[in-house]
Amino acid sequence: MNAVKGVRLRKSRTLAVSGLAAVLAGTAALASGAVEPRPSPTPVPSEPAPKPPPAQPPPQLTRADVDAAVAKLDGVVEDMMKRTGVPGAAVGVVHKDRVVHIKGFGERKAGESGKVGPGTVFQLASLSKPVGSTVVAGAVGDKVVRWDEPVAPHLPGFTLKDPWVTGHVTVADLMSHRSGLPDHAGDLLEDLGYDRAYILSHMRYEPLAPFRASYAYTNFGYTAAAEAVAEAKGVSWEKLSEDTLYKPAGMHATSSSFADYEKAADKAVTHVKTPLGTWQARFVRDADAQAPAGGVSSSAEDMTRWLRLQLAEGKLDGKQIIDAEALEHTHVPEIVSQPPTAPAARAGFYGLGWNVGYDDQGRLRLSHSGAFALGANTNVTMLPGEQLGIVVLTNGEPVGMADSVALDFFDTAQYGKPTRDWLPLVAALYEQEADAGVSPTDYAVPPPHPKPARVDSAYTGTYDSAYYGKAVVTTDRDGLVLELGPKPMRFTLTHYDGDTFSCRTTGENAVGPTGVTFTVGKNGKAGKFRVEYLDENGLGTFTRE
């Protein structure tokens, strides 16, 4: 099936536009009498109608091909862990409804004795998205909602900047990132400590790109769709996930609640790499605010059960868990996510919680990565036509390992060996993404002749932003302090030049030092200030109350 601007097309053979126009023109001419009908020719035996092409090319991988790739997999994982230093990992492979390999590697927490096993629970990060779309597919199959159903009636308080888009944006629009919301809209609110309800209710301030004509990856757009489905069912998203997927599929270690991950006895904690190259468990990542998009925790054992279900059209152990047609819809391209860079290059697509592509053999390839800068990296990749899939879970910040293991595995199954060393390439892409938001100004190096700051009282006071909420500039023994968020969070302001200061960012989307610039009026008091890293979408200015 294809999807064009949210409209599902029926499976059918269609004439090309020019051919269809010719048929219609001929029919019209006959009806008007402009063309004299010819006598019917003598009937001849008709040839059988050609069969439509198969949904997938015939399988090309043999059991021996898969076994050969599996035989090399442990060595690949161990080598990449050695090269990156990632403390722990778990890997599972499914082929033709069988778990053909599953194993844990390394430590659950660096420096401690607990080993990773197949049942160790990891945070999935954005690998939560294809899991979440499986849950929604179950609700669609149960007639709770439709993919093309607007979300606004089910989600009171959710509005977007354009009223027309608010009334028309559907579950599929939001889950395929084609709503027009900007990239990662709402993530900075989460970093400041705001909850799901606050963040979703403030999406109305975000500027919009053209509806259904632009792709931008948005955790909270996706979360809004999932919340609407849960509201339509009359339960929380966490309960909908448990009742629709986790419990029926026997995924007993899987949860969409951070509290469940926290209390798991056998869990892998998150790690980040220090400047010295060592790995430390420094941060705790609570992703409850975006649970449908990034808050699932699971084990390799549970994820291989989910992979079996995905590759068997929603069926597991002889039982239909998720409606096959609704699940198939999640695998269909909904929007171009990566336009081709050359005439002969292939485009990349996004479906419903899946990256959708086609390989050199024309086979459908589905994948999704998950990445927490605070310490997790995961990947799932499937070739549905081969009934083959792999899941890779790691407890280290994204340095390319999870994705590279999957890429290496499929290369080896197809060609007998990797087509390249994937790790440096993928690591560079993650590094490039991490550096994207870093300020062009090096606030650690003051300008040659900096202007002095004004007295502290020129800046202190209470300010407000419709999007980010209240901000307070106050002082402590170290000087000026900026307080943001509901708790609030405190940021020490370091003078840079004149009325510009800097502060160090924190959280999942931290970008190092960022600028805080005050605008001072004739009365000698600042009337507003702008926080550089909060202002990507023009929402980072706070006005004095």
Protein backbone atom coordinates (compact mmCIF):
# COMPACT_ATOMS: atom_id res chain seq x y z
CA MET A 1 0.00 0.00 0.00
CA ASN A 2 1.02 3.59 -0.55
CA ALA A 3 0.22 6.70 1.43
CA VAL A 4 -0.16 10.19 -0.02
CA LYS A 5 -0.80 13.00 2.44
CA GLY A 6 -2.43 10.64 4.90
CA VAL A 7 -4.80 9.04 2.36
CA ARG A 8 -4.54 5.29 2.07
CA LEU A 9 -4.75 3.96 -1.46
CA ARG A 10 -6.44 0.65 -2.14
CA LYS A 11 -4.32 -2.15 -3.53
CA SER A 12 -5.09 -2.22 -7.24
CA ARG A 13 -3.53 -2.14 -10.65
CA THR A 14 -3.90 1.34 -12.14
CA LEU A 15 -3.44 2.76 -15.59
CA ALA A 16 -0.88 5.44 -16.18
CA VAL A 17 -2.42 8.91 -16.29
CA SER A 18 -1.94 9.20 -20.09
CA GLY A 19 -3.46 5.78 -20.68
CA LEU A 20 -6.44 6.50 -18.46
CA ALA A 21 -7.02 9.83 -20.23
CA ALA A 22 -7.01 8.07 -23.60
CA VAL A 23 -9.61 5.55 -22.47
CA LEU A 24 -11.86 8.30 -21.12
CA ALA A 25 -11.52 10.34 -24.32
CA GLY A 26 -12.43 7.32 -26.45
CA THR A 27 -15.44 6.55 -24.30
CA ALA A 28 -16.66 10.11 -24.54
CA ALA A 29 -16.31 10.09 -28.34
CA LEU A 30 -18.32 6.92 -28.68
CA ALA A 31 -21.04 8.25 -26.45
CA SER A 32 -21.41 11.42 -28.56
CA GLY A 33 -21.59 9.53 -31.87
CA ALA A 34 -18.48 11.30 -33.17
CA VAL A 35 -16.84 7.94 -33.89
CA GLU A 36 -18.70 5.17 -35.74
CA PRO A 37 -18.55 1.94 -33.75
CA ARG A 38 -16.69 -0.88 -35.48
CA PRO A 39 -18.19 -4.36 -35.73
CA SER A 40 -17.03 -6.72 -33.01
CA PRO A 41 -14.17 -8.97 -34.12
CA THR A 42 -14.41 -12.73 -33.98
CA PRO A 43 -13.78 -13.77 -30.38
CA VAL A 44 -10.34 -15.28 -29.74
CA PRO A 45 -9.14 -17.03 -26.62
CA SER A 46 -7.84 -14.41 -24.22
CA GLU A 47 -4.46 -14.70 -22.55
CA PRO A 48 -4.47 -14.99 -18.78
CA ALA A 49 -4.09 -11.66 -17.00
CA PRO A 50 -0.54 -11.09 -15.79
CA LYS A 51 0.00 -11.68 -12.09
CA PRO A 52 0.83 -8.65 -9.98
CA PRO A 53 4.41 -8.46 -8.71
CA PRO A 54 4.99 -9.99 -5.27
CA ALA A 55 4.92 -7.74 -2.23
CA GLN A 56 8.54 -8.73 -1.59
CA PRO A 57 11.27 -10.15 -3.81
CA PRO A 58 11.77 -13.89 -3.19
CA PRO A 59 14.04 -14.64 -0.20
CA GLN A 60 17.70 -14.65 -1.14
CA LEU A 61 19.35 -15.65 2.12
CA THR A 62 19.68 -19.29 3.06
CA ARG A 63 19.82 -20.72 6.52
CA ALA A 64 23.54 -21.25 5.93
CA ASP A 65 23.98 -17.52 5.13
CA VAL A 66 22.30 -16.54 8.37
CA ASP A 67 24.19 -19.16 10.38
CA ALA A 68 27.49 -17.87 9.00
CA ALA A 69 26.65 -14.31 10.05
CA VAL A 70 25.51 -15.48 13.48
CA ALA A 71 28.75 -17.44 13.93
CA LYS A 72 30.75 -14.21 13.53
CA LEU A 73 28.42 -12.03 15.60
CA ASP A 74 29.93 -12.56 19.06
CA GLY A 75 33.37 -11.66 17.78
CA VAL A 76 32.01 -8.51 16.13
CA VAL A 77 30.29 -7.39 19.34
CA GLU A 78 33.35 -8.09 21.49
CA ASP A 79 35.62 -6.27 19.04
CA MET A 80 33.39 -3.20 18.93
CA MET A 81 33.09 -3.13 22.72
CA LYS A 82 36.88 -3.22 22.94
CA ARG A 83 37.25 -0.44 20.38
CA THR A 84 34.63 1.83 21.94
CA GLY A 85 34.82 0.87 25.59
CA VAL A 86 31.02 0.54 25.84
CA PRO A 87 30.48 -1.33 29.14
CA GLY A 88 27.61 -3.67 28.23
CA ALA A 89 25.47 -4.99 25.40
CA ALA A 90 22.84 -7.59 24.55
CA VAL A 91 22.07 -8.93 21.07
CA GLY A 92 19.25 -11.08 19.71
CA VAL A 93 18.66 -12.46 16.20
CA VAL A 94 15.39 -13.84 14.83
CA HIS A 95 15.08 -15.86 11.61
CA LYS A 96 11.91 -17.53 10.36
CA ASP A 97 10.15 -17.20 13.72
CA ARG A 98 13.05 -18.66 15.67
CA VAL A 99 15.47 -16.95 18.03
CA VAL A 100 18.69 -18.19 16.45
CA HIS A 101 21.02 -16.24 18.74
CA ILE A 102 20.74 -14.28 21.96
CA LYS A 103 23.53 -13.24 24.31
CA GLY A 104 24.65 -10.61 26.79
CA PHE A 105 28.12 -9.07 26.94
CA GLY A 106 30.02 -7.03 29.50
CA GLU A 107 28.84 -5.26 32.62
CA ARG A 108 25.52 -3.80 33.70
CA LYS A 109 27.48 -1.07 35.53
CA ALA A 110 31.10 -0.29 34.82
CA GLY A 111 33.44 -1.53 37.52
CA GLU A 112 30.87 -3.74 39.23
CA SER A 113 30.41 -7.50 39.07
CA GLY A 114 26.93 -7.74 37.54
CA LYS A 115 27.07 -9.20 34.03
CA VAL A 116 24.68 -8.46 31.17
CA GLY A 117 22.49 -11.39 30.16
CA PRO A 118 19.61 -11.94 27.73
CA GLY A 119 17.17 -10.89 30.46
CA THR A 120 18.96 -7.68 31.46
CA VAL A 121 16.72 -4.62 31.08
CA PHE A 122 18.01 -1.67 29.02
CA GLN A 123 16.47 1.70 28.27
CA LEU A 124 15.51 1.65 24.59
CA ALA A 125 15.46 5.42 23.91
CA SER A 126 13.90 6.01 20.47
CA LEU A 127 13.68 2.31 19.73
CA SER A 128 10.52 2.91 21.77
CA LYS A 129 8.91 4.35 18.62
CA PRO A 130 8.44 1.12 16.62
CA VAL A 131 7.38 -0.58 19.85
CA GLY A 132 4.85 2.23 20.38
CA SER A 133 3.51 2.02 16.84
CA THR A 134 2.94 -1.70 17.42
CA VAL A 135 0.76 -0.77 20.40
CA VAL A 136 -1.17 1.75 18.28
CA ALA A 137 -1.55 -0.86 15.53
CA GLY A 138 -3.22 -3.07 18.13
CA ALA A 139 -5.62 -0.26 19.02
CA VAL A 140 -6.34 0.35 15.32
CA GLY A 141 -7.04 -3.34 14.85
CA ASP A 142 -9.41 -3.21 17.82
CA LYS A 143 -11.28 -0.30 16.18
CA VAL A 144 -10.34 2.12 18.97
CA VAL A 145 -9.03 4.65 16.42
CA ARG A 146 -8.07 4.90 12.75
CA TRP A 147 -4.66 5.86 11.46
CA ASP A 148 -6.24 8.80 9.61
CA GLU A 149 -8.24 9.98 12.62
CA PRO A 150 -7.64 13.56 13.87
CA VAL A 151 -6.09 13.63 17.34
CA ALA A 152 -7.61 16.90 18.63
CA PRO A 153 -11.00 15.44 19.66
CA HIS A 154 -9.19 12.87 21.84
CA LEU A 155 -6.60 15.21 23.33
CA PRO A 156 -8.15 18.21 25.10
CA GLY A 157 -5.80 21.17 25.24
CA PHE A 158 -3.66 20.03 22.33
CA THR A 159 -3.49 22.71 19.68
CA LEU A 160 -0.95 23.73 17.09
CA LYS A 161 -0.17 27.23 15.86
CA ASP A 162 -2.37 26.86 12.78
CA PRO A 163 -6.02 26.12 13.69
CA TRP A 164 -6.60 24.29 10.41
CA VAL A 165 -3.69 21.96 11.07
CA THR A 166 -4.94 21.42 14.62
CA GLY A 167 -8.26 20.18 13.27
CA HIS A 168 -6.75 17.95 10.60
CA VAL A 169 -3.54 16.50 12.02
CA THR A 170 -3.96 12.74 12.42
CA VAL A 171 -2.39 9.88 14.34
CA ALA A 172 -0.42 8.94 11.21
CA ASP A 173 0.73 12.54 10.62
CA LEU A 174 2.23 12.83 14.09
CA MET A 175 3.72 9.34 14.21
CA SER A 176 5.45 9.86 10.86
CA HIS A 177 6.80 13.32 11.77
CA ARG A 178 4.99 15.18 8.97
CA SER A 179 2.83 17.47 11.13
CA GLY A 180 4.99 20.53 10.46
CA LEU A 181 6.29 20.75 14.04
CA PRO A 182 10.00 21.65 14.12
CA ASP A 183 12.75 19.13 14.77
CA HIS A 184 12.70 17.82 18.37
CA ALA A 185 9.97 20.27 19.38
CA GLY A 186 9.40 20.14 23.13
CA ASP A 187 12.61 18.33 24.05
CA LEU A 188 14.12 21.39 25.75
CA LEU A 189 11.01 21.73 27.92
CA GLU A 190 11.59 18.16 29.05
CA ASP A 191 15.21 18.99 29.90
CA LEU A 192 13.97 21.79 32.15
CA GLY A 193 11.76 19.34 34.06
CA TYR A 194 8.32 19.94 32.56
CA ASP A 195 5.93 16.99 32.40
CA ARG A 196 4.09 15.48 29.45
CA ALA A 197 0.89 17.47 29.97
CA TYR A 198 2.70 20.83 30.09
CA ILE A 199 4.82 20.05 27.03
CA LEU A 200 1.92 18.87 24.88
CA SER A 201 -0.17 21.89 25.86
CA HIS A 202 2.64 24.22 24.75
CA MET A 203 3.12 22.80 21.27
CA ARG A 204 0.78 25.60 20.14
CA TYR A 205 3.67 28.07 20.34
CA GLU A 206 5.96 26.15 18.00
CA PRO A 207 6.30 27.52 14.43
CA LEU A 208 5.01 25.15 11.76
CA ALA A 209 6.52 24.07 8.45
CA PRO A 210 4.19 23.05 5.59
CA PHE A 211 1.76 20.37 6.76
CA ARG A 212 2.32 16.88 5.32
CA ALA A 213 4.99 18.27 3.03
CA SER A 214 7.95 18.43 5.42
CA TYR A 215 9.66 15.93 7.70
CA ALA A 216 11.03 16.83 11.14
CA TYR A 217 11.68 14.29 13.88
CA THR A 218 9.61 15.20 16.94
CA ASN A 219 9.41 13.09 20.08
CA PHE A 220 6.48 15.04 21.48
CA GLY A 221 4.54 15.08 18.23
CA TYR A 222 4.79 11.30 18.30
CA THR A 223 3.86 11.31 21.99
CA ALA A 224 0.77 13.43 21.27
CA ALA A 225 -0.49 10.81 18.80
CA ALA A 226 0.05 8.00 21.29
CA GLU A 227 -1.65 9.96 24.07
CA ALA A 228 -4.66 10.57 21.81
CA VAL A 229 -4.98 6.83 21.18
CA ALA A 230 -4.78 6.08 24.90
CA GLU A 231 -7.38 8.76 25.64
CA ALA A 232 -9.67 7.25 23.00
CA LYS A 233 -9.38 3.94 24.85
CA GLY A 234 -9.89 5.63 28.21
CA VAL A 235 -6.63 4.44 29.79
CA SER A 236 -3.11 5.73 30.29
CA TRP A 237 -0.51 5.09 27.60
CA GLU A 238 1.40 2.88 30.04
CA LYS A 239 -1.65 0.67 30.62
CA LEU A 240 -2.57 0.59 26.93
CA SER A 241 0.94 -0.65 26.13
CA GLU A 242 0.81 -3.31 28.84
CA ASP A 243 -2.66 -4.57 27.91
CA THR A 244 -2.26 -4.41 24.13
CA LEU A 245 1.29 -5.69 23.63
CA TYR A 246 3.52 -6.45 26.60
CA LYS A 247 1.25 -8.83 28.47
CA PRO A 248 -0.27 -10.68 25.47
CA ALA A 249 3.18 -11.10 23.89
CA GLY A 250 4.77 -12.35 27.11
CA MET A 251 7.12 -9.36 27.29
CA HIS A 252 7.20 -9.46 31.07
CA ALA A 253 10.37 -7.37 31.52
CA THR A 254 9.12 -4.57 29.24
CA SER A 255 7.53 -1.36 30.51
CA SER A 256 6.73 2.19 29.45
CA SER A 257 7.25 3.46 33.01
CA PHE A 258 10.60 4.70 34.31
CA ALA A 259 9.70 3.48 37.81
CA ASP A 260 9.55 -0.10 36.52
CA TYR A 261 13.00 0.23 34.98
CA GLU A 262 14.36 1.73 38.18
CA LYS A 263 13.15 -1.11 40.37
CA ALA A 264 14.34 -3.89 38.03
CA ALA A 265 16.97 -5.97 39.78
CA ASP A 266 18.68 -6.98 36.52
CA LYS A 267 19.12 -3.69 34.68
CA ALA A 268 21.88 -1.99 32.73
CA VAL A 269 22.48 1.58 33.89
CA THR A 270 23.42 4.37 31.51
CA HIS A 271 27.03 5.41 30.94
CA VAL A 272 28.83 8.37 29.35
CA LYS A 273 32.39 8.67 28.17
CA THR A 274 34.65 10.98 30.17
CA PRO A 275 37.26 13.28 28.60
CA LEU A 276 39.88 10.73 29.73
CA GLY A 277 38.19 7.99 27.71
CA THR A 278 36.77 6.03 30.62
CA TRP A 279 33.07 5.23 31.03
CA GLN A 280 31.06 6.33 34.06
CA ALA A 281 27.48 5.93 35.24
CA ARG A 282 26.99 9.65 35.86
CA PHE A 283 23.40 10.39 34.84
CA VAL A 284 19.87 9.06 35.29
CA ARG A 285 17.56 9.48 32.30
CA ASP A 286 13.87 9.60 33.23
CA ALA A 287 11.99 9.69 29.91
CA ASP A 288 8.45 9.39 31.27
CA ALA A 289 7.42 12.69 29.67
CA GLN A 290 8.01 11.18 26.22
CA ALA A 291 7.33 7.55 27.18
CA PRO A 292 5.68 6.55 23.86
CA ALA A 293 8.60 8.00 21.89
CA GLY A 294 11.55 7.22 24.15
CA GLY A 295 10.56 5.77 27.52
CA VAL A 296 10.36 2.00 26.97
CA SER A 297 12.72 -0.35 28.80
CA SER A 298 13.13 -3.97 27.76
CA SER A 299 15.48 -6.93 27.49
CA ALA A 300 16.93 -8.82 24.54
CA GLU A 301 14.66 -11.75 25.45
CA ASP A 302 11.53 -9.60 25.24
CA MET A 303 12.67 -7.75 22.13
CA THR A 304 13.21 -10.99 20.24
CA ARG A 305 9.63 -11.92 21.06
CA TRP A 306 8.58 -8.57 19.62
CA LEU A 307 10.76 -9.17 16.56
CA ARG A 308 9.08 -12.54 16.00
CA LEU A 309 5.70 -10.82 16.17
CA GLN A 310 6.80 -8.12 13.72
CA LEU A 311 8.14 -10.64 11.22
CA ALA A 312 5.09 -12.90 11.50
CA GLU A 313 2.48 -10.24 10.72
CA GLY A 314 1.40 -9.76 14.33
CA LYS A 315 1.26 -13.43 15.27
CA LEU A 316 3.22 -15.02 18.12
CA ASP A 317 3.18 -18.64 19.25
CA GLY A 318 0.10 -19.33 17.14
CA LYS A 319 -1.90 -16.39 18.51
CA GLN A 320 -2.76 -13.20 16.61
CA ILE A 321 -1.59 -10.50 19.05
CA ILE A 322 -1.73 -7.47 16.70
CA ASP A 323 -3.99 -7.13 13.66
CA ALA A 324 -1.91 -7.98 10.57
CA GLU A 325 -3.23 -5.21 8.32
CA ALA A 326 -2.83 -2.53 10.98
CA LEU A 327 0.72 -3.71 11.68
CA GLU A 328 1.58 -3.76 7.99
CA HIS A 329 0.54 -0.11 7.78
CA THR A 330 3.37 0.81 10.18
CA HIS A 331 5.87 -0.51 7.61
CA VAL A 332 4.64 1.66 4.72
CA PRO A 333 6.52 4.85 3.74
CA GLU A 334 4.54 7.90 4.82
CA ILE A 335 6.98 10.70 3.98
CA VAL A 336 10.42 11.24 2.49
CA SER A 337 12.82 11.68 5.40
CA GLN A 338 16.04 11.71 3.37
CA PRO A 339 15.77 13.10 -0.17
CA PRO A 340 18.21 11.49 -2.61
CA THR A 341 21.47 13.38 -2.93
CA ALA A 342 22.02 12.38 -6.58
CA PRO A 343 19.76 11.36 -9.48
CA ALA A 344 20.58 7.67 -9.08
CA ALA A 345 20.55 7.70 -5.28
CA ARG A 346 17.72 6.20 -3.26
CA ALA A 347 15.49 8.23 -0.96
CA GLY A 348 14.94 7.36 2.67
CA PHE A 349 11.43 7.26 4.11
CA TYR A 350 9.74 7.28 7.49
CA GLY A 351 6.70 5.15 8.18
CA LEU A 352 4.87 4.90 11.50
CA GLY A 353 7.66 4.60 14.03
CA TRP A 354 10.03 3.06 11.46
CA ASN A 355 12.76 4.19 9.11
CA VAL A 356 11.72 2.59 5.81
CA GLY A 357 14.11 1.87 2.97
CA TYR A 358 14.85 -0.54 0.15
CA ASP A 359 18.18 -2.25 -0.44
CA ASP A 360 20.07 -3.07 -3.64
CA GLN A 361 17.90 -6.17 -4.14
CA GLY A 362 14.67 -4.19 -3.78
CA ARG A 363 13.91 -5.69 -0.37
CA LEU A 364 12.05 -3.71 2.26
CA ARG A 365 14.41 -2.79 5.09
CA LEU A 366 13.05 -1.46 8.38
CA SER A 367 15.17 -0.01 11.12
CA HIS A 368 15.25 2.35 14.06
CA SER A 369 17.96 3.52 16.40
CA GLY A 370 17.67 4.81 19.93
CA ALA A 371 20.12 7.24 21.52
CA PHE A 372 20.33 8.95 24.88
CA ALA A 373 23.26 11.34 25.13
CA LEU A 374 23.05 10.57 28.85
CA GLY A 375 24.03 6.97 28.24
CA ALA A 376 22.13 4.55 25.96
CA ASN A 377 22.26 3.42 22.33
CA THR A 378 20.10 0.76 20.64
CA ASN A 379 19.18 -0.50 17.20
CA VAL A 380 16.66 -2.78 15.53
CA THR A 381 16.91 -3.76 11.86
CA MET A 382 14.67 -6.14 9.89
CA LEU A 383 14.36 -7.59 6.41
CA PRO A 384 10.73 -8.73 6.51
CA GLY A 385 11.03 -10.57 3.19
CA GLU A 386 13.80 -12.69 4.68
CA GLN A 387 12.00 -13.01 8.04
CA LEU A 388 15.27 -11.83 9.56
CA GLY A 389 15.86 -9.27 12.27
CA ILE A 390 18.43 -8.20 14.85
CA VAL A 391 18.17 -6.11 18.00
CA VAL A 392 21.23 -4.56 19.67
CA LEU A 393 21.01 -2.94 23.11
CA THR A 394 23.90 -1.07 24.77
CA ASN A 395 24.33 0.91 27.98
CA GLY A 396 26.70 3.57 26.65
CA GLU A 397 26.12 6.95 25.04
CA PRO A 398 25.87 6.81 21.23
CA VAL A 399 29.32 6.18 19.76
CA GLY A 400 28.09 4.08 16.83
CA MET A 401 28.33 0.58 18.24
CA ALA A 402 24.67 -0.55 18.21
CA ASP A 403 24.05 0.55 14.62
CA SER A 404 27.38 -0.79 13.41
CA VAL A 405 26.77 -4.28 14.83
CA ALA A 406 23.47 -4.44 12.91
CA LEU A 407 24.99 -3.14 9.68
CA ASP A 408 27.89 -5.57 9.96
CA PHE A 409 25.52 -8.50 10.59
CA PHE A 410 23.37 -7.89 7.51
CA ASP A 411 26.43 -7.27 5.33
CA THR A 412 27.90 -10.59 6.47
CA ALA A 413 24.66 -12.47 5.84
CA GLN A 414 24.38 -10.99 2.34
CA TYR A 415 28.00 -10.82 1.18
CA GLY A 416 29.93 -13.05 3.57
CA LYS A 417 31.78 -10.12 5.12
CA PRO A 418 31.23 -6.43 5.96
CA THR A 419 31.29 -4.06 3.00
CA ARG A 420 33.18 -1.54 5.13
CA ASP A 421 34.21 -0.76 8.69
CA TRP A 422 30.95 0.82 9.80
CA LEU A 423 32.02 1.99 13.25
CA PRO A 424 34.01 5.13 12.28
CA LEU A 425 31.30 6.24 9.86
CA VAL A 426 28.41 5.85 12.30
CA ALA A 427 30.43 7.35 15.17
CA ALA A 428 31.16 10.42 13.03
CA LEU A 429 27.46 10.86 12.27
CA TYR A 430 26.58 10.78 15.98
CA GLU A 431 29.40 13.21 16.74
CA GLN A 432 28.21 15.54 14.01
CA GLU A 433 24.69 15.47 15.43
CA ALA A 434 25.97 16.18 18.94
CA ASP A 435 27.96 19.18 17.72
CA ALA A 436 25.06 20.68 15.74
CA GLY A 437 23.72 22.81 18.58
CA VAL A 438 27.04 24.01 19.99
CA SER A 439 27.35 27.78 20.06
CA PRO A 440 29.68 29.34 17.47
CA THR A 441 30.95 31.56 20.30
CA ASP A 442 33.61 30.12 22.58
CA TYR A 443 32.50 31.55 25.91
CA ALA A 444 35.57 30.16 27.65
CA VAL A 445 37.67 32.74 25.78
CA PRO A 446 36.62 36.35 26.52
CA PRO A 447 36.86 38.98 23.77
CA PRO A 448 40.06 41.06 23.66
CA HIS A 449 38.45 44.11 25.27
CA PRO A 450 35.26 43.04 27.05
CA LYS A 451 32.85 45.69 28.26
CA PRO A 452 32.06 45.48 31.99
CA ALA A 453 28.75 44.18 33.26
CA ARG A 454 26.28 46.47 35.01
CA VAL A 455 25.48 46.12 38.68
CA ASP A 456 23.62 42.88 39.49
CA SER A 457 20.40 44.73 40.27
CA ALA A 458 20.14 45.77 36.61
CA TYR A 459 19.52 42.16 35.70
CA THR A 460 17.83 40.56 38.71
CA GLY A 461 14.08 40.10 38.75
CA THR A 462 11.27 37.86 37.50
CA TYR A 463 10.74 37.29 33.79
CA ASP A 464 8.29 35.22 31.79
CA SER A 465 8.01 33.29 28.53
CA ALA A 466 4.71 31.94 27.24
CA TYR A 467 6.58 28.79 26.17
CA TYR A 468 9.26 28.20 28.80
CA GLY A 469 7.37 29.69 31.76
CA LYS A 470 8.74 31.80 34.59
CA ALA A 471 12.42 32.68 34.89
CA VAL A 472 14.07 34.32 37.88
CA VAL A 473 17.43 36.06 37.82
CA THR A 474 18.84 36.26 41.32
CA THR A 475 22.22 36.24 43.04
CA ASP A 476 24.17 33.95 45.30
CA ARG A 477 27.74 33.97 46.55
CA ASP A 478 29.02 33.16 43.05
CA GLY A 479 27.14 36.02 41.40
CA LEU A 480 24.13 36.00 39.08
CA VAL A 481 22.00 32.87 38.82
CA LEU A 482 19.25 32.05 36.32
CA GLU A 483 16.41 29.83 37.56
CA LEU A 484 14.30 28.02 34.94
CA GLY A 485 11.69 25.28 34.93
CA PRO A 486 9.09 24.02 37.39
CA LYS A 487 11.53 22.85 40.11
CA PRO A 488 13.40 25.21 39.27
CA MET A 489 16.86 24.41 37.80
CA ARG A 490 19.70 26.83 38.61
CA PHE A 491 22.26 28.06 36.06
CA THR A 492 25.21 30.17 37.17
CA LEU A 493 25.75 33.14 34.84
CA THR A 494 29.35 33.90 33.92
CA HIS A 495 30.09 37.33 32.48
CA TYR A 496 31.34 37.41 28.90
CA ASP A 497 30.96 40.88 27.43
CA GLY A 498 28.76 43.84 28.36
CA ASP A 499 25.23 42.59 28.94
CA THR A 500 26.06 39.09 27.67
CA PHE A 501 26.71 36.20 30.03
CA SER A 502 27.02 32.46 29.54
CA CYS A 503 25.75 29.43 31.39
CA ARG A 504 26.46 25.72 31.08
CA THR A 505 23.56 23.67 29.70
CA THR A 506 22.50 20.37 31.22
CA GLY A 507 20.29 17.43 30.35
CA GLU A 508 19.78 15.20 27.33
CA ASN A 509 20.13 18.11 24.89
CA ALA A 510 23.06 19.88 26.56
CA VAL A 511 25.29 21.79 24.13
CA GLY A 512 27.96 23.12 26.46
CA PRO A 513 28.11 26.85 27.30
CA THR A 514 25.41 29.03 25.78
CA GLY A 515 24.84 32.77 25.71
CA VAL A 516 22.40 34.74 27.87
CA THR A 517 22.03 38.31 26.58
CA PHE A 518 20.07 41.03 28.41
CA THR A 519 18.44 44.02 26.75
CA VAL A 520 18.64 47.02 29.09
CA GLY A 521 16.29 50.01 28.85
CA LYS A 522 16.82 53.68 29.54
CA ASN A 523 15.90 53.13 33.19
CA GLY A 524 19.02 51.00 33.63
CA LYS A 525 17.00 47.81 34.09
CA ALA A 526 16.92 44.81 31.78
CA GLY A 527 13.50 44.48 30.18
CA LYS A 528 14.19 41.10 28.63
CA PHE A 529 16.87 38.52 27.98
CA ARG A 530 17.50 35.83 25.37
CA VAL A 531 18.91 32.37 26.05
CA GLU A 532 20.81 31.30 22.95
CA TYR A 533 20.25 27.53 22.97
CA LEU A 534 16.56 27.89 23.85
CA ASP A 535 15.95 30.22 20.92
CA GLU A 536 16.35 27.92 17.91
CA ASN A 537 12.66 28.31 17.09
CA GLY A 538 12.40 31.94 18.21
CA LEU A 539 10.93 31.12 21.62
CA GLY A 540 13.93 31.79 23.85
CA THR A 541 13.25 35.39 24.92
CA PHE A 542 11.99 36.13 28.46
CA THR A 543 10.29 39.45 29.30
CA ARG A 544 10.37 41.13 32.69
CA GLU A 545 7.05 40.92 34.52
